[in-house]
Amino acid sequence: MTGTKRFWESLFNRPDDQRLQRLEAKVNLILEHIGVKLDDSPAAILSEEVKALALQPRKKFAAVKLHRQQTGAGLREAEAAVAAHIRTHRKSMRATTAVR
């Protein structure tokens, strides 16, 4: 095994990561048992201010920046959350216009 391969494996196989995965699995089982359904989609964690900015033309980057400031999220995570909100909004708009 090369040194580089060992290095990358050590990053993803740390005891803390394994412990965190076990804890998340236990919490998920508890939530499922008591009947709690969480919306953990990226768009669910956006503030109302970020959601409003995201829906304005040419304000997507401002929405991403604000979301990062509010949550400390990384660039990719923030972009994904804002994009998911925009997609969800567009789908709901199409569904309401198709019903008419």
Protein backbone atom coordinates (compact mmCIF):
# COMPACT_ATOMS: atom_id res chain seq x y z
CA MET A 1 0.00 0.00 0.00
CA THR A 2 1.42 3.36 -0.98
CA GLY A 3 1.83 6.21 1.49
CA THR A 4 -0.70 8.38 -0.36
CA LYS A 5 -3.35 5.67 -0.33
CA ARG A 6 -2.78 5.06 3.38
CA PHE A 7 -3.10 8.79 4.03
CA TRP A 8 -6.46 9.08 2.25
CA GLU A 9 -7.82 5.96 3.91
CA SER A 10 -6.83 7.32 7.30
CA LEU A 11 -8.80 10.48 6.63
CA PHE A 12 -12.00 8.59 5.99
CA ASN A 13 -11.59 5.77 8.48
CA ARG A 14 -10.94 7.77 11.61
CA PRO A 15 -12.55 6.48 14.81
CA ASP A 16 -14.41 9.80 15.20
CA ASP A 17 -16.04 9.39 11.78
CA GLN A 18 -17.11 5.85 12.62
CA ARG A 19 -18.45 6.97 15.99
CA LEU A 20 -20.39 9.79 14.34
CA GLN A 21 -21.90 7.40 11.81
CA ARG A 22 -23.02 5.05 14.62
CA LEU A 23 -24.56 7.96 16.55
CA GLU A 24 -26.41 9.22 13.46
CA ALA A 25 -27.77 5.73 12.82
CA LYS A 26 -29.00 5.49 16.42
CA VAL A 27 -30.66 8.90 16.28
CA ASN A 28 -32.34 7.97 13.00
CA LEU A 29 -33.69 4.77 14.55
CA ILE A 30 -35.04 6.69 17.55
CA LEU A 31 -36.70 9.28 15.33
CA GLU A 32 -38.22 6.56 13.17
CA HIS A 33 -39.48 4.73 16.25
CA ILE A 34 -41.27 7.78 17.65
CA GLY A 35 -42.64 8.72 14.24
CA VAL A 36 -40.70 11.92 13.63
CA LYS A 37 -40.04 12.76 9.98
CA LEU A 38 -37.31 15.32 9.43
CA ASP A 39 -36.95 17.31 6.26
CA ASP A 40 -33.18 17.22 5.90
CA SER A 41 -33.12 18.40 2.32
CA PRO A 42 -30.63 21.19 1.66
CA ALA A 43 -33.40 23.69 0.90
CA ALA A 44 -35.10 23.07 4.24
CA ILE A 45 -32.34 24.82 6.17
CA LEU A 46 -32.52 28.14 4.30
CA SER A 47 -33.67 31.24 6.12
CA GLU A 48 -36.64 33.18 4.74
CA GLU A 49 -34.28 35.97 3.70
CA VAL A 50 -32.10 33.60 1.68
CA LYS A 51 -35.18 32.01 0.08
CA ALA A 52 -36.49 35.42 -0.99
CA LEU A 53 -33.11 36.43 -2.44
CA ALA A 54 -32.75 33.13 -4.30
CA LEU A 55 -36.01 33.65 -6.15
CA GLN A 56 -35.03 37.08 -7.45
CA PRO A 57 -33.38 37.19 -10.86
CA ARG A 58 -29.62 37.83 -10.61
CA LYS A 59 -29.58 37.39 -6.82
CA LYS A 60 -28.60 33.73 -6.63
CA PHE A 61 -24.98 34.50 -5.71
CA ALA A 62 -26.09 36.96 -3.04
CA ALA A 63 -28.34 34.23 -1.62
CA VAL A 64 -25.43 31.77 -1.58
CA LYS A 65 -23.20 34.32 0.13
CA LEU A 66 -25.82 35.14 2.76
CA HIS A 67 -26.49 31.46 3.45
CA ARG A 68 -22.76 30.88 3.97
CA GLN A 69 -22.58 33.82 6.37
CA GLN A 70 -25.60 32.63 8.34
CA THR A 71 -24.65 28.97 8.60
CA GLY A 72 -20.93 28.67 7.99
CA ALA A 73 -21.66 26.25 5.13
CA GLY A 74 -19.11 25.63 2.43
CA LEU A 75 -19.49 27.03 -1.07
CA ARG A 76 -20.68 23.78 -2.67
CA GLU A 77 -23.12 23.05 0.14
CA ALA A 78 -24.58 26.57 0.00
CA GLU A 79 -24.89 26.50 -3.80
CA ALA A 80 -26.63 23.12 -3.62
CA ALA A 81 -29.09 24.36 -0.99
CA VAL A 82 -29.99 27.49 -2.95
CA ALA A 83 -30.28 25.56 -6.22
CA ALA A 84 -32.52 22.96 -4.55
CA HIS A 85 -34.80 25.72 -3.28
CA ILE A 86 -35.04 27.29 -6.74
CA ARG A 87 -35.82 23.88 -8.33
CA THR A 88 -38.48 23.13 -5.72
CA HIS A 89 -40.07 26.53 -6.22
CA ARG A 90 -40.11 26.15 -10.01
CA LYS A 91 -41.65 22.67 -9.76
CA SER A 92 -44.39 23.92 -7.45
CA MET A 93 -45.07 26.84 -9.79
CA ARG A 94 -45.36 24.46 -12.77
CA ALA A 95 -47.67 22.18 -10.82
CA THR A 96 -49.99 25.03 -9.88
CA THR A 97 -50.14 26.36 -13.44
CA ALA A 98 -50.78 22.87 -14.85
CA VAL A 99 -53.75 22.41 -12.53
CA ARG A 100 -55.53 25.52 -13.83
